[in-house]
Amino acid sequence: MECNLVIAGEAGQGINVSALNLAKLFTRAGLHTFLLTENPNSIKLEPAWCSLKIADKPITAPSCKADVLIALNADAYLRHRDRVKENGFILCESQESLIDPRCIEVPFGALIKKISAPDLLRNTVALGAFLTLYDVGIEGMKALFSETFGAKGAKIVTQNISALEMGSHTIVETYGAKIKKVFPKEKGSPHYLLTGNDAVSLGALKAGCQFFSAYPMTPSSPVFHFLSAKEREYSLVVKQAEDEIAAMHMALGASYAGVRSMVATSGGGFCLMVEALGLSGQSETPVVVLLGQRPGPSTGQPTRTDQADLRFALHASHGEFPRVVLAPGDAREAFEETFRAFNLAEHYQVPVIVITDKYLAESYSSWEEWNLNNMYIDRGKVWDGGSEEAYLRYRVTLDGISSRAFPGMAGTIHCATSYEHNEEGFYEESPENVKKMRDKRSAKIPFLLKDIPPPRLYGAKDADMTLVCWGSAKGPILEVLRLLAQEGKKVNMLHLVGLSPFPAAKVEEYLRSAKQTMVIEGNETGQCRSLIREETGILSDFAYCQYDGEPLYPEIVVEEVKRVW
């Protein structure tokens, strides 16, 4: 069982709220959902839409095809009608129904006037029509309205319920013969519904983050909002800085003082953080950076998605120093890798960058309960006052990790500087000392390689084609595997999460045994493909790069794979 719904209209018509209420309704009923929102970079009037996939099995990606289109205005019908399947439905105003047999006329505006409600509620009329058309019923949505709009007063709740009933009655009275019994009556247990940003926030809280600073920037701002609401409950300090430069320095100061710290931004904000990223590397002060990608350069497309900041994250700031770059593929990995990021940052005393993008950060997906066992906080080496003759902040060790001390600890002087320094932390630029300190920092890399997530192979080992991807491409490519398997093609997927230090030996092992390879990613220059060649000497047989601001749709990727194979 699967149903793909697209709701389209203009910004300001409550499209996202309606779709999210639907996602909640079906998720709580035990079905799986995936909600993709696409918003213009404006507040009102510009075209906007979202798609909701509902199924009785886990969903890894949205679909570019629709079973139902809710077109709240004529422009929405014209923009999205080609997405609707031949046997699908289009809920729209009367004028479109005259020329398209898939149309079901629901006069949103006229129905709203009957109950003297604001025009904004035409989306609620559409919800009632959709739920009745698919024989779901509207009682569950009525309860959700009380939850969603209750704080706005009883009048708002009542108006929404009336609009919902109007849409439902229209379908029953006029189109009763077209009602489809699609969704199963016996459903599973309720699931969790969350975005990638929600998962990152939960991972940070689970990891014991105590300081978060940021300057709001799409698509990472929801992490700011989420953590702000949890300050008192989790003894967390959240600060909105005047800019990203200040945010990064605040986080480094908090980390120096001994608390786990994090910043969140997008590419434009990360540009301003890179000098302080070098300070983290030089002073060996741990910090976690969430880099939520969106298309650039400059302001670019604030509300679209991209994977073009990989090389930026790998090489940000001048000079050479170890850093960790992690790119989770879905909400669960976003939770797990954010938790891992804090442990790696403190254990190895390095900056850790967690890369997401608009697609992963803002899409909602449903999940069963996660197993949180075996998740332990690792604070790394902290000076205990007796293990060394005298405290040296940058003592040379086999693994490059020296003990940290925090302000106020007896018997220590933690001297940190942005200049090159000696073991005590004081400035020293003799060639012998400079080489010794750089060797100390780079000594961490072989040990880091053992602790970052390895590349993960999905599908049969003896596949005829291996699709290679990183980060948020995971879900769409998993769906590509399923679609190609239905056509009898043997394909597997190699997914990269840990990108710095790069797990070259493991990646090379997989690719050397592959018959054919194709790297798929969301940027113009094939950044991951060239990185793999740089680190392993292997150039993939084929590549597909998408850089139009849209997510990777499995159906489109399937056609690209078939075109070269």
Protein backbone atom coordinates (compact mmCIF):
# COMPACT_ATOMS: atom_id res chain seq x y z
CA MET A 1 0.00 0.00 0.00
CA GLU A 2 1.35 3.40 -0.97
CA CYS A 3 -0.17 6.81 -1.57
CA ASN A 4 1.64 9.91 -2.78
CA LEU A 5 -0.06 13.24 -2.11
CA VAL A 6 1.01 16.67 -3.35
CA ILE A 7 -0.49 19.84 -1.87
CA ALA A 8 0.24 22.96 -3.89
CA GLY A 9 -0.77 26.59 -3.82
CA GLU A 10 0.99 29.73 -2.72
CA ALA A 11 3.09 30.62 0.31
CA GLY A 12 0.91 31.71 3.20
CA GLN A 13 -1.95 29.26 2.51
CA GLY A 14 -1.05 26.93 5.35
CA ILE A 15 0.19 24.16 3.07
CA ASN A 16 2.93 22.89 5.38
CA VAL A 17 0.69 22.91 8.45
CA SER A 18 -1.97 20.87 6.62
CA ALA A 19 0.56 18.36 5.32
CA LEU A 20 2.19 18.01 8.73
CA ASN A 21 -1.19 17.36 10.36
CA LEU A 22 -1.80 14.63 7.78
CA ALA A 23 1.63 13.14 8.45
CA LYS A 24 0.92 13.12 12.19
CA LEU A 25 -2.49 11.51 11.64
CA PHE A 26 -1.12 8.59 9.62
CA THR A 27 2.04 8.18 11.70
CA ARG A 28 0.04 7.90 14.90
CA ALA A 29 -2.16 5.32 13.19
CA GLY A 30 0.92 3.13 12.68
CA LEU A 31 1.62 3.88 9.01
CA HIS A 32 4.91 5.16 7.65
CA THR A 33 5.17 8.68 6.24
CA PHE A 34 7.70 10.91 4.51
CA LEU A 35 6.95 14.63 4.19
CA LEU A 36 8.98 16.82 1.85
CA THR A 37 8.40 20.56 1.99
CA GLU A 38 9.39 22.96 -0.78
CA ASN A 39 9.02 26.64 0.07
CA PRO A 40 9.89 29.77 -1.90
CA ASN A 41 12.25 32.35 -0.44
CA SER A 42 9.33 34.63 0.42
CA ILE A 43 6.57 34.87 2.99
CA LYS A 44 3.45 35.06 0.80
CA LEU A 45 2.09 34.75 -2.75
CA GLU A 46 4.95 32.81 -4.39
CA PRO A 47 4.20 29.21 -5.49
CA ALA A 48 4.70 26.64 -2.73
CA TRP A 49 4.08 22.93 -2.39
CA CYS A 50 4.87 19.82 -0.40
CA SER A 51 4.57 16.09 -0.95
CA LEU A 52 3.53 13.40 1.51
CA LYS A 53 4.15 9.72 0.93
CA ILE A 54 2.15 7.27 3.07
CA ALA A 55 2.83 3.52 3.12
CA ASP A 56 2.54 0.41 5.24
CA LYS A 57 6.32 -0.14 5.15
CA PRO A 58 9.33 2.11 5.84
CA ILE A 59 9.87 4.93 3.34
CA THR A 60 13.33 6.17 2.41
CA ALA A 61 12.56 8.87 -0.16
CA PRO A 62 9.79 10.97 -1.71
CA SER A 63 8.35 10.35 -5.17
CA CYS A 64 8.14 12.75 -8.10
CA LYS A 65 4.80 11.13 -9.09
CA ALA A 66 1.51 11.71 -7.29
CA ASP A 67 -1.66 9.70 -6.72
CA VAL A 68 -3.47 12.83 -5.54
CA LEU A 69 -2.87 16.52 -6.19
CA ILE A 70 -4.58 19.12 -4.07
CA ALA A 71 -4.40 22.28 -6.21
CA LEU A 72 -5.46 25.23 -4.08
CA ASN A 73 -5.36 27.60 -7.05
CA ALA A 74 -5.18 27.47 -10.84
CA ASP A 75 -1.41 28.03 -10.93
CA ALA A 76 -0.87 24.98 -8.71
CA TYR A 77 -2.88 22.85 -11.13
CA LEU A 78 -0.85 24.01 -14.13
CA ARG A 79 2.49 23.52 -12.35
CA HIS A 80 1.86 20.03 -10.98
CA ARG A 81 -0.75 18.32 -13.17
CA ASP A 82 1.92 16.37 -15.09
CA ARG A 83 3.04 14.72 -11.86
CA VAL A 84 -0.32 13.03 -11.32
CA LYS A 85 -0.70 9.45 -12.49
CA GLU A 86 -3.33 8.65 -15.13
CA ASN A 87 -5.52 6.89 -12.58
CA GLY A 88 -4.93 9.57 -9.94
CA PHE A 89 -7.14 12.38 -8.64
CA ILE A 90 -6.82 16.15 -8.68
CA LEU A 91 -8.83 18.07 -6.10
CA CYS A 92 -9.28 21.55 -7.53
CA GLU A 93 -11.64 24.43 -8.25
CA SER A 94 -14.34 24.05 -10.92
CA GLN A 95 -12.59 25.53 -13.96
CA GLU A 96 -9.93 22.82 -14.14
CA SER A 97 -12.45 19.98 -13.92
CA LEU A 98 -13.85 20.94 -17.32
CA ILE A 99 -10.67 19.95 -19.16
CA ASP A 100 -9.10 17.15 -17.08
CA PRO A 101 -10.98 13.91 -16.31
CA ARG A 102 -8.80 13.31 -13.25
CA CYS A 103 -10.23 16.41 -11.59
CA ILE A 104 -12.67 16.32 -8.72
CA GLU A 105 -14.35 19.67 -8.27
CA VAL A 106 -14.16 21.03 -4.72
CA PRO A 107 -15.09 24.74 -4.75
CA PHE A 108 -12.78 25.73 -1.90
CA GLY A 109 -13.57 29.44 -2.01
CA ALA A 110 -17.34 29.05 -2.20
CA LEU A 111 -17.43 26.51 0.64
CA ILE A 112 -15.34 28.77 2.85
CA LYS A 113 -17.77 31.66 2.27
CA LYS A 114 -20.69 29.45 3.36
CA ILE A 115 -19.25 29.15 6.85
CA SER A 116 -17.92 32.74 6.93
CA ALA A 117 -14.37 31.53 7.47
CA PRO A 118 -11.15 33.17 6.20
CA ASP A 119 -9.92 32.12 2.75
CA LEU A 120 -6.84 30.64 4.41
CA LEU A 121 -8.97 27.65 5.43
CA ARG A 122 -9.41 26.40 1.87
CA ASN A 123 -6.54 24.01 2.70
CA THR A 124 -8.67 22.58 5.52
CA VAL A 125 -11.58 22.02 3.12
CA ALA A 126 -9.12 20.11 0.94
CA LEU A 127 -8.05 17.94 3.89
CA GLY A 128 -11.64 16.92 4.53
CA ALA A 129 -12.09 16.06 0.87
CA PHE A 130 -8.89 13.99 0.70
CA LEU A 131 -9.55 12.05 3.92
CA THR A 132 -13.06 11.19 2.75
CA LEU A 133 -11.99 10.34 -0.79
CA TYR A 134 -9.65 7.73 0.69
CA ASP A 135 -12.17 6.53 3.28
CA VAL A 136 -10.03 7.55 6.26
CA GLY A 137 -12.61 9.61 8.10
CA ILE A 138 -12.16 13.02 9.66
CA GLU A 139 -12.51 12.37 13.39
CA GLY A 140 -8.78 11.93 13.94
CA MET A 141 -8.08 15.22 12.19
CA LYS A 142 -10.62 17.01 14.37
CA ALA A 143 -8.66 15.90 17.43
CA LEU A 144 -5.43 17.12 15.83
CA PHE A 145 -6.99 20.53 15.22
CA SER A 146 -7.61 20.91 18.94
CA GLU A 147 -3.97 20.07 19.56
CA THR A 148 -2.56 22.25 16.76
CA PHE A 149 -4.78 25.32 17.04
CA GLY A 150 -6.00 25.12 20.63
CA ALA A 151 -3.69 27.87 21.82
CA LYS A 152 -5.25 30.24 19.26
CA GLY A 153 -8.69 29.89 20.80
CA ALA A 154 -11.89 27.90 20.40
CA LYS A 155 -13.08 29.97 17.45
CA ILE A 156 -10.11 28.94 15.28
CA VAL A 157 -10.58 25.28 16.17
CA THR A 158 -14.30 25.45 15.38
CA GLN A 159 -13.71 27.16 12.03
CA ASN A 160 -11.20 24.50 11.00
CA ILE A 161 -13.54 21.70 11.98
CA SER A 162 -16.38 23.29 10.01
CA ALA A 163 -14.15 23.66 6.93
CA LEU A 164 -13.03 20.03 7.29
CA GLU A 165 -16.65 18.87 7.39
CA MET A 166 -17.54 20.96 4.33
CA GLY A 167 -14.84 19.23 2.28
CA SER A 168 -15.91 15.82 3.51
CA HIS A 169 -19.61 16.40 2.73
CA THR A 170 -18.78 17.54 -0.80
CA ILE A 171 -17.06 14.24 -1.58
CA VAL A 172 -19.79 12.11 0.00
CA GLU A 173 -22.65 13.92 -1.73
CA THR A 174 -21.11 14.41 -5.17
CA TYR A 175 -18.36 11.83 -5.62
CA GLY A 176 -19.32 9.00 -3.31
CA ALA A 177 -18.75 6.41 -6.05
CA LYS A 178 -15.08 7.41 -6.32
CA ILE A 179 -14.23 6.82 -2.66
CA LYS A 180 -11.23 4.46 -2.49
CA LYS A 181 -10.47 2.09 0.39
CA VAL A 182 -6.68 2.28 0.23
CA PHE A 183 -5.42 2.40 3.79
CA PRO A 184 -5.61 -0.79 5.88
CA LYS A 185 -7.99 -0.87 8.83
CA GLU A 186 -5.53 -2.91 10.91
CA LYS A 187 -2.51 -0.69 11.35
CA GLY A 188 0.73 -1.03 13.28
CA SER A 189 1.98 0.71 16.39
CA PRO A 190 2.45 4.48 16.35
CA HIS A 191 5.82 5.77 15.11
CA TYR A 192 7.90 8.83 15.81
CA LEU A 193 7.77 11.64 13.25
CA LEU A 194 10.76 13.97 13.12
CA THR A 195 13.02 15.97 10.85
CA GLY A 196 16.77 15.72 10.45
CA ASN A 197 17.05 18.93 12.49
CA ASP A 198 14.99 17.34 15.27
CA ALA A 199 17.31 14.32 15.22
CA VAL A 200 20.44 16.49 15.38
CA SER A 201 18.96 18.36 18.34
CA LEU A 202 18.12 15.14 20.16
CA GLY A 203 21.60 13.78 19.47
CA ALA A 204 23.15 16.92 20.96
CA LEU A 205 21.01 16.64 24.10
CA LYS A 206 21.78 12.93 24.44
CA ALA A 207 25.49 13.74 24.13
CA GLY A 208 25.31 16.25 26.99
CA CYS A 209 25.65 19.49 25.03
CA GLN A 210 25.59 22.37 27.51
CA PHE A 211 26.30 25.37 25.28
CA PHE A 212 24.84 26.20 21.88
CA SER A 213 25.41 29.40 19.96
CA ALA A 214 24.28 30.48 16.50
CA TYR A 215 23.16 33.24 14.25
CA PRO A 216 19.92 31.98 12.61
CA MET A 217 20.40 30.68 9.07
CA THR A 218 18.21 28.37 7.00
CA PRO A 219 18.08 25.37 7.05
CA SER A 220 19.74 24.96 10.48
CA SER A 221 17.63 27.51 12.40
CA PRO A 222 15.14 24.87 13.67
CA VAL A 223 17.97 23.35 15.76
CA PHE A 224 18.28 26.74 17.42
CA HIS A 225 14.52 26.81 18.09
CA PHE A 226 14.44 23.23 19.39
CA LEU A 227 17.32 23.65 21.82
CA SER A 228 16.11 27.05 23.01
CA ALA A 229 12.94 25.38 24.28
CA LYS A 230 15.02 22.84 26.24
CA GLU A 231 17.37 25.19 28.12
CA ARG A 232 15.98 24.75 31.61
CA GLU A 233 15.09 21.09 31.24
CA TYR A 234 18.64 20.15 30.19
CA SER A 235 20.75 22.83 31.95
CA LEU A 236 21.67 24.14 28.53
CA VAL A 237 22.77 27.66 27.60
CA VAL A 238 21.61 28.84 24.17
CA LYS A 239 22.91 32.16 22.83
CA GLN A 240 21.97 34.07 19.69
CA ALA A 241 25.14 35.87 18.69
CA GLU A 242 25.38 39.05 16.63
CA ASP A 243 26.98 37.06 13.80
CA GLU A 244 28.57 33.69 13.06
CA ILE A 245 32.05 34.91 13.97
CA ALA A 246 30.90 35.62 17.51
CA ALA A 247 28.90 32.39 17.68
CA MET A 248 31.94 30.25 16.91
CA HIS A 249 34.18 32.09 19.38
CA MET A 250 31.51 31.80 22.08
CA ALA A 251 31.40 28.04 21.54
CA LEU A 252 35.19 27.78 21.74
CA GLY A 253 35.18 29.78 24.96
CA ALA A 254 32.58 27.48 26.47
CA SER A 255 34.56 24.43 25.41
CA TYR A 256 37.74 25.89 26.90
CA ALA A 257 35.80 26.31 30.14
CA GLY A 258 34.95 22.60 30.10
CA VAL A 259 31.44 22.20 28.67
CA ARG A 260 30.38 20.48 25.47
CA SER A 261 29.59 23.12 22.86
CA MET A 262 28.04 23.32 19.42
CA VAL A 263 27.23 25.81 16.67
CA ALA A 264 24.82 25.48 13.73
CA THR A 265 24.85 27.34 10.44
CA SER A 266 24.73 27.04 6.66
CA GLY A 267 27.38 27.67 4.03
CA GLY A 268 27.29 31.48 4.17
CA GLY A 269 27.58 31.48 7.95
CA PHE A 270 30.28 28.82 7.92
CA CYS A 271 32.32 31.17 5.71
CA LEU A 272 32.50 33.52 8.68
CA MET A 273 33.45 30.73 11.09
CA VAL A 274 36.47 29.35 9.29
CA GLU A 275 39.11 31.52 10.99
CA ALA A 276 37.82 30.38 14.37
CA LEU A 277 37.74 26.82 13.04
CA GLY A 278 41.51 27.18 12.64
CA LEU A 279 41.70 28.42 16.23
CA SER A 280 39.98 25.20 17.28
CA GLY A 281 42.55 23.19 15.33
CA GLN A 282 45.57 25.11 16.61
CA SER A 283 44.49 25.27 20.25
CA GLU A 284 43.04 21.72 20.14
CA THR A 285 39.77 22.98 21.55
CA PRO A 286 36.87 20.64 20.74
CA VAL A 287 33.74 21.99 19.08
CA VAL A 288 30.88 20.51 17.03
CA VAL A 289 29.70 22.40 13.93
CA LEU A 290 26.41 21.64 12.17
CA LEU A 291 26.72 22.68 8.51
CA GLY A 292 23.27 22.58 6.89
CA GLN A 293 23.94 22.93 3.17
CA ARG A 294 21.90 24.98 0.75
CA PRO A 295 22.74 26.16 -2.78
CA GLY A 296 25.24 28.99 -3.11
CA PRO A 297 27.34 30.95 -3.69
CA SER A 298 26.49 34.01 -1.62
CA THR A 299 22.85 33.96 -0.43
CA GLY A 300 22.09 31.44 -3.19
CA GLN A 301 18.78 29.65 -2.68
CA PRO A 302 17.93 29.79 1.03
CA THR A 303 15.05 27.28 0.81
CA ARG A 304 16.47 24.71 -1.63
CA THR A 305 18.86 21.80 -1.21
CA ASP A 306 22.40 21.04 -2.33
CA GLN A 307 25.50 18.96 -1.55
CA ALA A 308 28.09 21.48 -2.73
CA ASP A 309 29.91 22.22 0.55
CA LEU A 310 31.83 18.95 0.91
CA ARG A 311 35.17 20.32 -0.26
CA PHE A 312 34.56 23.47 1.75
CA ALA A 313 34.13 21.46 4.95
CA LEU A 314 37.20 19.34 4.20
CA HIS A 315 39.50 22.32 3.61
CA ALA A 316 37.94 25.19 5.56
CA SER A 317 40.45 27.50 7.28
CA HIS A 318 44.08 27.99 6.38
CA GLY A 319 46.92 25.73 7.40
CA GLU A 320 46.80 22.02 8.13
CA PHE A 321 45.16 20.37 11.10
CA PRO A 322 43.00 17.29 11.66
CA ARG A 323 39.27 17.65 11.61
CA VAL A 324 36.38 15.19 11.41
CA VAL A 325 33.64 15.49 8.78
CA LEU A 326 30.51 13.35 9.18
CA ALA A 327 27.61 13.26 6.72
CA PRO A 328 24.56 11.37 8.07
CA GLY A 329 22.16 9.90 5.54
CA ASP A 330 18.83 10.03 7.38
CA ALA A 331 17.25 11.17 10.62
CA ARG A 332 18.46 8.17 12.59
CA GLU A 333 22.03 8.68 11.43
CA ALA A 334 21.68 12.41 12.14
CA PHE A 335 20.94 11.50 15.77
CA GLU A 336 23.71 8.92 16.01
CA GLU A 337 26.39 10.92 14.21
CA THR A 338 25.69 14.08 16.22
CA PHE A 339 26.14 12.04 19.38
CA ARG A 340 29.33 10.57 17.94
CA ALA A 341 30.54 14.05 16.96
CA PHE A 342 30.66 15.22 20.57
CA ASN A 343 32.60 12.14 21.66
CA LEU A 344 35.11 12.47 18.81
CA ALA A 345 35.52 16.20 19.37
CA GLU A 346 36.38 15.80 23.05
CA HIS A 347 38.34 12.55 22.80
CA TYR A 348 40.62 13.80 20.03
CA GLN A 349 40.34 17.53 20.81
CA VAL A 350 39.47 18.50 17.24
CA PRO A 351 36.63 20.32 15.47
CA VAL A 352 33.94 17.98 14.14
CA ILE A 353 31.69 19.09 11.28
CA VAL A 354 28.33 17.36 10.81
CA ILE A 355 27.02 17.98 7.29
CA THR A 356 23.32 17.92 6.50
CA ASP A 357 21.32 19.80 3.85
CA LYS A 358 17.88 21.28 3.42
CA TYR A 359 16.44 17.98 2.18
CA LEU A 360 17.56 16.00 5.23
CA ALA A 361 17.24 18.85 7.72
CA GLU A 362 13.62 19.79 7.01
CA SER A 363 11.98 16.62 5.68
CA TYR A 364 9.82 14.65 8.12
CA SER A 365 10.13 10.88 8.31
CA SER A 366 8.56 8.29 10.60
CA TRP A 367 10.62 5.91 12.72
CA GLU A 368 10.10 3.11 15.17
CA GLU A 369 11.65 3.53 18.62
CA TRP A 370 15.45 3.66 18.54
CA ASN A 371 17.66 1.53 20.76
CA LEU A 372 19.68 3.94 22.89
CA ASN A 373 21.73 1.28 24.67
CA ASN A 374 25.51 1.36 24.37
CA MET A 375 25.60 5.14 23.89
CA TYR A 376 28.27 6.33 26.30
CA ILE A 377 29.68 9.81 26.74
CA ASP A 378 33.46 9.96 26.29
CA ARG A 379 35.00 13.14 27.76
CA GLY A 380 38.49 12.12 26.64
CA LYS A 381 41.67 12.80 28.64
CA VAL A 382 41.10 15.17 31.53
CA TRP A 383 44.02 15.85 33.87
CA ASP A 384 43.57 14.04 37.17
CA GLY A 385 46.32 15.83 39.08
CA GLY A 386 48.53 12.82 39.67
CA SER A 387 49.24 11.03 36.41
CA GLU A 388 51.97 13.44 35.30
CA GLU A 389 54.87 15.17 37.06
CA ALA A 390 53.66 18.56 35.89
CA TYR A 391 50.74 19.60 33.80
CA LEU A 392 51.58 20.27 30.15
CA ARG A 393 48.58 21.16 28.04
CA TYR A 394 50.24 20.04 24.80
CA ARG A 395 52.36 17.19 26.07
CA VAL A 396 53.56 15.04 23.15
CA THR A 397 51.99 11.57 23.23
CA LEU A 398 51.86 8.54 20.96
CA ASP A 399 48.30 9.24 19.82
CA GLY A 400 48.69 13.02 19.79
CA ILE A 401 46.17 13.48 22.59
CA SER A 402 47.25 15.38 25.69
CA SER A 403 45.23 15.90 28.86
CA ARG A 404 42.86 18.85 29.11
CA ALA A 405 42.49 20.98 32.19
CA PHE A 406 39.75 23.50 32.85
CA PRO A 407 39.86 26.91 34.54
CA GLY A 408 39.96 26.55 38.30
CA MET A 409 41.60 23.12 38.41
CA ALA A 410 44.32 23.17 41.08
CA GLY A 411 47.90 22.71 39.96
CA THR A 412 47.31 23.57 36.32
CA ILE A 413 47.84 26.44 33.97
CA HIS A 414 45.93 25.85 30.75
CA CYS A 415 47.60 28.25 28.35
CA ALA A 416 45.94 28.29 24.93
CA THR A 417 47.02 30.47 22.04
CA SER A 418 46.28 30.93 18.36
CA TYR A 419 50.01 30.97 17.67
CA GLU A 420 52.20 27.90 17.33
CA HIS A 421 53.29 26.90 20.80
CA ASN A 422 55.36 24.50 22.83
CA GLU A 423 54.13 21.76 25.15
CA GLU A 424 53.34 24.29 27.89
CA GLY A 425 51.22 26.35 25.53
CA PHE A 426 53.59 29.30 25.16
CA TYR A 427 54.52 30.78 21.79
CA GLU A 428 57.58 29.17 20.22
CA GLU A 429 58.53 29.15 16.54
CA SER A 430 61.78 27.21 16.43
CA PRO A 431 61.74 24.79 13.46
CA GLU A 432 62.21 21.83 15.80
CA ASN A 433 59.24 22.79 17.97
CA VAL A 434 56.98 23.68 15.02
CA LYS A 435 57.53 20.26 13.43
CA LYS A 436 57.06 18.53 16.79
CA MET A 437 53.70 20.21 17.43
CA ARG A 438 52.41 19.64 13.90
CA ASP A 439 53.45 15.99 14.10
CA LYS A 440 51.66 15.77 17.47
CA ARG A 441 48.39 16.99 16.00
CA SER A 442 48.58 14.83 12.87
CA ALA A 443 49.39 11.77 15.01
CA LYS A 444 45.65 11.70 15.85
CA ILE A 445 44.62 10.83 12.29
CA PRO A 446 45.39 7.06 12.26
CA PHE A 447 43.49 6.68 15.52
CA LEU A 448 40.61 8.81 14.26
CA LEU A 449 40.28 6.54 11.23
CA LYS A 450 39.44 3.66 13.55
CA ASP A 451 36.63 5.63 15.22
CA ILE A 452 34.80 7.31 12.34
CA PRO A 453 31.93 5.39 10.72
CA PRO A 454 33.18 3.19 7.85
CA PRO A 455 31.57 3.14 4.39
CA ARG A 456 28.46 0.97 4.41
CA LEU A 457 27.44 -1.41 1.65
CA TYR A 458 23.72 -2.00 1.03
CA GLY A 459 22.55 -4.79 -1.25
CA ALA A 460 24.17 -7.89 -2.72
CA LYS A 461 27.98 -8.00 -2.82
CA ASP A 462 27.98 -9.53 -6.30
CA ALA A 463 25.98 -6.71 -7.91
CA ASP A 464 26.58 -5.72 -11.52
CA MET A 465 26.57 -2.00 -10.64
CA THR A 466 27.63 -0.20 -7.44
CA LEU A 467 26.07 3.20 -6.80
CA VAL A 468 28.24 5.38 -4.57
CA CYS A 469 26.78 8.30 -2.60
CA TRP A 470 27.28 10.30 0.57
CA GLY A 471 25.12 12.05 3.13
CA SER A 472 21.44 12.60 2.41
CA ALA A 473 21.56 10.79 -0.95
CA LYS A 474 21.27 7.54 1.04
CA GLY A 475 17.46 7.39 1.15
CA PRO A 476 16.80 8.12 -2.54
CA ILE A 477 19.47 5.65 -3.67
CA LEU A 478 18.05 2.92 -1.43
CA GLU A 479 14.77 3.42 -3.26
CA VAL A 480 16.66 3.31 -6.58
CA LEU A 481 17.98 -0.13 -5.61
CA ARG A 482 14.42 -1.32 -4.98
CA LEU A 483 13.08 0.05 -8.26
CA LEU A 484 15.93 -1.42 -10.31
CA ALA A 485 15.57 -4.77 -8.56
CA GLN A 486 11.95 -4.88 -9.76
CA GLU A 487 13.36 -4.75 -13.28
CA GLY A 488 15.71 -7.63 -12.57
CA LYS A 489 18.89 -5.53 -12.24
CA LYS A 490 21.46 -6.39 -9.56
CA VAL A 491 22.59 -3.13 -8.00
CA ASN A 492 24.07 -2.25 -4.61
CA MET A 493 25.00 1.00 -2.86
CA LEU A 494 28.14 2.18 -1.07
CA HIS A 495 27.22 5.00 1.31
CA LEU A 496 29.86 7.29 2.84
CA VAL A 497 29.24 8.87 6.23
CA GLY A 498 32.77 9.45 7.55
CA LEU A 499 34.54 11.71 5.04
CA SER A 500 37.46 13.12 7.05
CA PRO A 501 39.78 11.50 7.79
CA PHE A 502 38.87 9.66 4.59
CA PRO A 503 38.57 5.85 4.98
CA ALA A 504 40.56 5.24 1.80
CA ALA A 505 41.49 1.62 2.46
CA LYS A 506 37.88 0.52 3.04
CA VAL A 507 36.51 2.48 0.09
CA GLU A 508 39.20 1.11 -2.19
CA GLU A 509 38.46 -2.43 -1.05
CA TYR A 510 34.80 -2.08 -2.00
CA LEU A 511 35.42 -0.32 -5.31
CA ARG A 512 38.16 -2.68 -6.49
CA SER A 513 35.69 -5.56 -6.18
CA ALA A 514 32.86 -3.71 -7.95
CA LYS A 515 32.08 -4.54 -11.58
CA GLN A 516 30.94 -1.01 -12.47
CA THR A 517 30.59 2.11 -10.36
CA MET A 518 28.55 5.29 -10.53
CA VAL A 519 28.86 8.19 -8.08
CA ILE A 520 25.61 10.09 -7.47
CA GLU A 521 25.61 13.41 -5.64
CA GLY A 522 23.93 16.81 -5.42
CA ASN A 523 26.58 19.17 -6.75
CA GLU A 524 27.90 20.33 -10.12
CA THR A 525 31.58 19.38 -9.92
CA GLY A 526 31.40 15.81 -8.62
CA GLN A 527 33.12 16.62 -5.33
CA CYS A 528 32.79 13.17 -3.79
CA ARG A 529 33.84 11.48 -7.03
CA SER A 530 37.01 13.53 -7.22
CA LEU A 531 37.69 12.99 -3.51
CA ILE A 532 37.51 9.23 -4.00
CA ARG A 533 39.92 9.45 -6.92
CA GLU A 534 42.27 11.67 -4.91
CA GLU A 535 42.33 9.27 -1.97
CA THR A 536 42.22 5.90 -3.74
CA GLY A 537 43.30 6.50 -7.33
CA ILE A 538 39.96 5.08 -8.54
CA LEU A 539 37.78 7.10 -10.91
CA SER A 540 34.22 5.81 -11.08
CA ASP A 541 32.95 4.56 -14.44
CA PHE A 542 29.98 6.92 -14.40
CA ALA A 543 28.70 9.93 -12.49
CA TYR A 544 25.39 11.72 -12.05
CA CYS A 545 25.41 15.22 -10.59
CA GLN A 546 22.23 17.13 -9.80
CA TYR A 547 22.51 20.81 -8.95
CA ASP A 548 19.13 22.42 -9.63
CA GLY A 549 18.12 22.89 -5.98
CA GLU A 550 15.71 19.94 -6.07
CA PRO A 551 16.16 16.72 -4.06
CA LEU A 552 17.26 13.50 -5.72
CA TYR A 553 14.09 11.78 -6.90
CA PRO A 554 14.53 8.00 -7.23
CA GLU A 555 12.56 7.75 -10.49
CA ILE A 556 14.86 10.29 -12.16
CA VAL A 557 18.01 8.62 -10.87
CA VAL A 558 16.77 5.24 -12.14
CA GLU A 559 16.52 6.67 -15.65
CA GLU A 560 20.03 8.13 -15.38
CA VAL A 561 21.43 4.76 -14.29
CA LYS A 562 19.66 2.96 -17.12
CA ARG A 563 20.91 5.55 -19.60
CA VAL A 564 24.56 4.59 -19.00
CA TRP A 565 24.04 0.91 -18.19
